[in-house]
Amino acid sequence: MATRRELLSWDEVGRLIDHLIPQFRVEFDAMVIITRGGIIPGGMLCEKLDIEEVLTAAVDFPFESEREAAKLLAWPEFVQFPDNSLITGRQLLVVDDVWGSGRTITAVKNRISAAGGIPHTCVLHFNPHRSLFSQAHPDSYAAITDAHIVYPWETDRGIEKVLLDEPE
């Protein structure tokens, strides 16, 4: 069965950001943006929340086999991650664009927790149908979906290319 795809406008993204703001119940010391998907929504949230300290995390899930099961069992490789001194004891808003399988944001959340930080996960879209974690979900999300979301910043690669890409 083909995955339903949904192309968003910048106005729709702005409304999603506005929907997130009232969900936050703590004042954040900093933000951890997950590259690449979290860069634009993270930047928009930084402006709205007046968060000045922005950190980045880049995670890769390498695999040796082409089998789908092997990809899902891969251990995360942190290509880039903030030093523990920037995390310990701090309230951190962890931002990505979408929670599909949930592997990336969960890996970042767990590493922050292990370093003594207090992570609060946030995504624009949560797809519970694809999540690998039956009991886990983002702390904040703007919408639930079962579609492959195409964000306006992804269309510069050509809408035909984006719509043909396989979702996470």
C-alpha atoms as a PDB file:
ATOM      1  CA  MET A   1       0.000   0.000   0.000  1.00  0.00           C
ATOM      2  CA  ALA A   2       1.344   3.417  -0.956  1.00  0.00           C
ATOM      3  CA  THR A   3       2.089   5.897   1.802  1.00  0.00           C
ATOM      4  CA  ARG A   4      -0.160   8.937   1.790  1.00  0.00           C
ATOM      5  CA  ARG A   5       1.860  12.125   1.402  1.00  0.00           C
ATOM      6  CA  GLU A   6       0.942  15.589   2.587  1.00  0.00           C
ATOM      7  CA  LEU A   7       2.624  18.790   1.383  1.00  0.00           C
ATOM      8  CA  LEU A   8       2.535  21.617   3.947  1.00  0.00           C
ATOM      9  CA  SER A   9       2.670  25.354   3.353  1.00  0.00           C
ATOM     10  CA  TRP A  10       4.692  27.827   5.428  1.00  0.00           C
ATOM     11  CA  ASP A  11       1.423  29.134   6.903  1.00  0.00           C
ATOM     12  CA  GLU A  12       0.507  25.628   8.069  1.00  0.00           C
ATOM     13  CA  VAL A  13       3.931  25.228   9.683  1.00  0.00           C
ATOM     14  CA  GLY A  14       3.435  28.558  11.470  1.00  0.00           C
ATOM     15  CA  ARG A  15       0.108  27.354  12.847  1.00  0.00           C
ATOM     16  CA  LEU A  16       1.742  24.118  14.059  1.00  0.00           C
ATOM     17  CA  ILE A  17       4.427  26.138  15.870  1.00  0.00           C
ATOM     18  CA  ASP A  18       1.732  28.313  17.469  1.00  0.00           C
ATOM     19  CA  HIS A  19      -0.094  25.155  18.593  1.00  0.00           C
ATOM     20  CA  LEU A  20       3.035  23.909  20.389  1.00  0.00           C
ATOM     21  CA  ILE A  21       3.750  27.020  22.467  1.00  0.00           C
ATOM     22  CA  PRO A  22       0.975  26.597  25.094  1.00  0.00           C
ATOM     23  CA  GLN A  23       2.023  22.952  25.663  1.00  0.00           C
ATOM     24  CA  PHE A  24       5.321  23.939  27.304  1.00  0.00           C
ATOM     25  CA  ARG A  25       5.056  24.008  31.099  1.00  0.00           C
ATOM     26  CA  VAL A  26       8.688  24.758  32.004  1.00  0.00           C
ATOM     27  CA  GLU A  27      11.192  27.437  31.137  1.00  0.00           C
ATOM     28  CA  PHE A  28      13.948  25.886  29.041  1.00  0.00           C
ATOM     29  CA  ASP A  29      17.621  26.602  29.640  1.00  0.00           C
ATOM     30  CA  ALA A  30      18.538  25.675  26.058  1.00  0.00           C
ATOM     31  CA  MET A  31      17.338  23.854  22.976  1.00  0.00           C
ATOM     32  CA  VAL A  32      18.831  20.786  21.319  1.00  0.00           C
ATOM     33  CA  ILE A  33      17.939  20.735  17.636  1.00  0.00           C
ATOM     34  CA  ILE A  34      18.212  17.407  15.839  1.00  0.00           C
ATOM     35  CA  THR A  35      19.750  17.874  12.426  1.00  0.00           C
ATOM     36  CA  ARG A  36      18.558  18.143   9.745  1.00  0.00           C
ATOM     37  CA  GLY A  37      14.817  17.926  10.274  1.00  0.00           C
ATOM     38  CA  GLY A  38      14.688  19.960  13.470  1.00  0.00           C
ATOM     39  CA  ILE A  39      16.680  22.942  12.256  1.00  0.00           C
ATOM     40  CA  ILE A  40      13.825  25.029  10.849  1.00  0.00           C
ATOM     41  CA  PRO A  41      11.113  24.224  13.419  1.00  0.00           C
ATOM     42  CA  GLY A  42      13.752  24.615  16.157  1.00  0.00           C
ATOM     43  CA  GLY A  43      14.705  28.042  14.857  1.00  0.00           C
ATOM     44  CA  MET A  44      11.074  29.096  14.733  1.00  0.00           C
ATOM     45  CA  LEU A  45      10.512  27.880  18.305  1.00  0.00           C
ATOM     46  CA  CYS A  46      13.673  29.653  19.526  1.00  0.00           C
ATOM     47  CA  GLU A  47      12.264  32.932  18.285  1.00  0.00           C
ATOM     48  CA  LYS A  48       8.822  32.387  19.832  1.00  0.00           C
ATOM     49  CA  LEU A  49      10.207  31.152  23.169  1.00  0.00           C
ATOM     50  CA  ASP A  50      13.166  33.554  23.287  1.00  0.00           C
ATOM     51  CA  ILE A  51      15.660  30.706  23.728  1.00  0.00           C
ATOM     52  CA  GLU A  52      19.135  32.020  23.026  1.00  0.00           C
ATOM     53  CA  GLU A  53      21.260  28.920  23.607  1.00  0.00           C
ATOM     54  CA  VAL A  54      20.892  26.438  20.757  1.00  0.00           C
ATOM     55  CA  LEU A  55      22.749  23.133  20.612  1.00  0.00           C
ATOM     56  CA  THR A  56      22.693  20.525  17.860  1.00  0.00           C
ATOM     57  CA  ALA A  57      22.693  16.757  17.737  1.00  0.00           C
ATOM     58  CA  ALA A  58      23.264  14.659  14.630  1.00  0.00           C
ATOM     59  CA  VAL A  59      22.471  10.952  14.780  1.00  0.00           C
ATOM     60  CA  ASP A  60      23.050   8.225  12.225  1.00  0.00           C
ATOM     61  CA  PHE A  61      21.869   4.635  12.308  1.00  0.00           C
ATOM     62  CA  PRO A  62      24.460   2.709  10.281  1.00  0.00           C
ATOM     63  CA  PHE A  63      23.749  -0.833   9.251  1.00  0.00           C
ATOM     64  CA  GLU A  64      25.631  -3.655   7.576  1.00  0.00           C
ATOM     65  CA  SER A  65      22.736  -5.458   5.967  1.00  0.00           C
ATOM     66  CA  GLU A  66      20.151  -4.211   3.513  1.00  0.00           C
ATOM     67  CA  ARG A  67      17.425  -6.079   5.373  1.00  0.00           C
ATOM     68  CA  GLU A  68      14.873  -3.779   7.000  1.00  0.00           C
ATOM     69  CA  ALA A  69      15.160  -5.618  10.326  1.00  0.00           C
ATOM     70  CA  ALA A  70      18.886  -4.878  10.458  1.00  0.00           C
ATOM     71  CA  LYS A  71      18.246  -1.166   9.943  1.00  0.00           C
ATOM     72  CA  LEU A  72      15.809  -1.089  12.855  1.00  0.00           C
ATOM     73  CA  LEU A  73      18.253  -2.848  15.190  1.00  0.00           C
ATOM     74  CA  ALA A  74      21.222  -0.590  14.392  1.00  0.00           C
ATOM     75  CA  TRP A  75      22.886   1.149  17.334  1.00  0.00           C
ATOM     76  CA  PRO A  76      22.880   4.971  16.978  1.00  0.00           C
ATOM     77  CA  GLU A  77      26.063   6.753  16.019  1.00  0.00           C
ATOM     78  CA  PHE A  78      26.206  10.298  17.404  1.00  0.00           C
ATOM     79  CA  VAL A  79      27.913  12.251  14.635  1.00  0.00           C
ATOM     80  CA  GLN A  80      27.591  15.459  16.651  1.00  0.00           C
ATOM     81  CA  PHE A  81      26.429  15.964  20.230  1.00  0.00           C
ATOM     82  CA  PRO A  82      26.775  18.716  22.864  1.00  0.00           C
ATOM     83  CA  ASP A  83      29.339  18.286  25.608  1.00  0.00           C
ATOM     84  CA  ASN A  84      27.925  16.976  28.884  1.00  0.00           C
ATOM     85  CA  SER A  85      28.826  20.258  30.601  1.00  0.00           C
ATOM     86  CA  LEU A  86      26.177  21.958  28.438  1.00  0.00           C
ATOM     87  CA  ILE A  87      23.533  19.385  29.388  1.00  0.00           C
ATOM     88  CA  THR A  88      23.896  18.360  33.038  1.00  0.00           C
ATOM     89  CA  GLY A  89      21.158  19.710  35.299  1.00  0.00           C
ATOM     90  CA  ARG A  90      19.496  21.715  32.534  1.00  0.00           C
ATOM     91  CA  GLN A  91      15.954  21.806  31.158  1.00  0.00           C
ATOM     92  CA  LEU A  92      16.388  21.108  27.423  1.00  0.00           C
ATOM     93  CA  LEU A  93      13.811  21.322  24.657  1.00  0.00           C
ATOM     94  CA  VAL A  94      14.706  18.619  22.098  1.00  0.00           C
ATOM     95  CA  VAL A  95      13.246  19.458  18.672  1.00  0.00           C
ATOM     96  CA  ASP A  96      12.797  17.437  15.488  1.00  0.00           C
ATOM     97  CA  ASP A  97      10.315  17.758  12.655  1.00  0.00           C
ATOM     98  CA  VAL A  98       8.600  14.378  12.929  1.00  0.00           C
ATOM     99  CA  TRP A  99       8.437  11.335  15.208  1.00  0.00           C
ATOM    100  CA  GLY A 100       8.200   8.501  12.687  1.00  0.00           C
ATOM    101  CA  SER A 101       9.933   5.435  14.070  1.00  0.00           C
ATOM    102  CA  GLY A 102      10.999   7.532  17.081  1.00  0.00           C
ATOM    103  CA  ARG A 103      14.544   6.112  17.040  1.00  0.00           C
ATOM    104  CA  THR A 104      16.418   9.382  16.532  1.00  0.00           C
ATOM    105  CA  ILE A 105      14.688  11.575  19.098  1.00  0.00           C
ATOM    106  CA  THR A 106      14.595   8.724  21.624  1.00  0.00           C
ATOM    107  CA  ALA A 107      18.349   8.185  21.223  1.00  0.00           C
ATOM    108  CA  VAL A 108      18.967  11.907  21.813  1.00  0.00           C
ATOM    109  CA  LYS A 109      16.587  12.003  24.792  1.00  0.00           C
ATOM    110  CA  ASN A 110      18.277   8.977  26.392  1.00  0.00           C
ATOM    111  CA  ARG A 111      21.763  10.416  25.910  1.00  0.00           C
ATOM    112  CA  ILE A 112      20.687  13.714  27.483  1.00  0.00           C
ATOM    113  CA  SER A 113      19.141  11.852  30.430  1.00  0.00           C
ATOM    114  CA  ALA A 114      22.311   9.778  30.855  1.00  0.00           C
ATOM    115  CA  ALA A 115      24.327  13.020  31.035  1.00  0.00           C
ATOM    116  CA  GLY A 116      22.070  14.363  33.793  1.00  0.00           C
ATOM    117  CA  GLY A 117      19.996  16.687  31.617  1.00  0.00           C
ATOM    118  CA  ILE A 118      16.220  16.989  31.656  1.00  0.00           C
ATOM    119  CA  PRO A 119      14.969  16.479  28.081  1.00  0.00           C
ATOM    120  CA  HIS A 120      11.536  17.527  26.817  1.00  0.00           C
ATOM    121  CA  THR A 121      10.867  16.135  23.329  1.00  0.00           C
ATOM    122  CA  CYS A 122       8.961  18.148  20.765  1.00  0.00           C
ATOM    123  CA  VAL A 123       7.980  17.471  17.142  1.00  0.00           C
ATOM    124  CA  LEU A 124       5.640  19.018  14.640  1.00  0.00           C
ATOM    125  CA  HIS A 125       4.153  15.642  13.660  1.00  0.00           C
ATOM    126  CA  PHE A 126       3.762  12.411  15.611  1.00  0.00           C
ATOM    127  CA  ASN A 127       3.049   9.203  13.678  1.00  0.00           C
ATOM    128  CA  PRO A 128       1.995   6.612  16.286  1.00  0.00           C
ATOM    129  CA  HIS A 129       1.394   4.045  13.533  1.00  0.00           C
ATOM    130  CA  ARG A 130       5.106   3.947  12.625  1.00  0.00           C
ATOM    131  CA  SER A 131       6.584   4.356  16.093  1.00  0.00           C
ATOM    132  CA  LEU A 132       8.790   1.520  17.299  1.00  0.00           C
ATOM    133  CA  PHE A 133       7.991   2.445  20.907  1.00  0.00           C
ATOM    134  CA  SER A 134       4.574   1.357  22.102  1.00  0.00           C
ATOM    135  CA  GLN A 135       4.785   3.234  25.412  1.00  0.00           C
ATOM    136  CA  ALA A 136       6.821   6.265  24.312  1.00  0.00           C
ATOM    137  CA  HIS A 137       5.703   9.408  22.536  1.00  0.00           C
ATOM    138  CA  PRO A 138       6.891  12.999  22.237  1.00  0.00           C
ATOM    139  CA  ASP A 139       6.239  15.234  25.231  1.00  0.00           C
ATOM    140  CA  SER A 140       4.805  17.854  22.865  1.00  0.00           C
ATOM    141  CA  TYR A 141       3.542  17.594  19.307  1.00  0.00           C
ATOM    142  CA  ALA A 142       1.434  19.779  17.094  1.00  0.00           C
ATOM    143  CA  ALA A 143      -0.380  17.092  15.095  1.00  0.00           C
ATOM    144  CA  ILE A 144      -0.876  13.344  14.770  1.00  0.00           C
ATOM    145  CA  THR A 145      -0.550  11.907  11.285  1.00  0.00           C
ATOM    146  CA  ASP A 146      -0.283   8.683   9.325  1.00  0.00           C
ATOM    147  CA  ALA A 147       1.063  10.492   6.251  1.00  0.00           C
ATOM    148  CA  HIS A 148       4.568  11.153   4.999  1.00  0.00           C
ATOM    149  CA  ILE A 149       4.814  14.908   5.609  1.00  0.00           C
ATOM    150  CA  VAL A 150       6.642  17.072   3.077  1.00  0.00           C
ATOM    151  CA  TYR A 151       7.667  20.353   4.677  1.00  0.00           C
ATOM    152  CA  PRO A 152       8.023  23.550   2.618  1.00  0.00           C
ATOM    153  CA  TRP A 153      11.796  23.663   3.185  1.00  0.00           C
ATOM    154  CA  GLU A 154      12.106  20.250   1.523  1.00  0.00           C
ATOM    155  CA  THR A 155      10.583  21.298  -1.791  1.00  0.00           C
ATOM    156  CA  ASP A 156      13.737  23.090  -3.015  1.00  0.00           C
ATOM    157  CA  ARG A 157      15.004  19.643  -4.025  1.00  0.00           C
ATOM    158  CA  GLY A 158      12.106  19.502  -6.459  1.00  0.00           C
ATOM    159  CA  ILE A 159       8.652  18.356  -5.424  1.00  0.00           C
ATOM    160  CA  GLU A 160       8.870  15.323  -7.706  1.00  0.00           C
ATOM    161  CA  LYS A 161      12.030  14.142  -5.897  1.00  0.00           C
ATOM    162  CA  VAL A 162      10.555  14.733  -2.439  1.00  0.00           C
ATOM    163  CA  LEU A 163       7.327  12.918  -3.233  1.00  0.00           C
ATOM    164  CA  LEU A 164       9.251   9.917  -4.571  1.00  0.00           C
ATOM    165  CA  ASP A 165      11.503   9.623  -1.504  1.00  0.00           C
ATOM    166  CA  GLU A 166      10.684   6.866   0.942  1.00  0.00           C
ATOM    167  CA  PRO A 167       9.697   8.125   4.394  1.00  0.00           C
ATOM    168  CA  GLU A 168      12.003   7.559   7.415  1.00  0.00           C
END
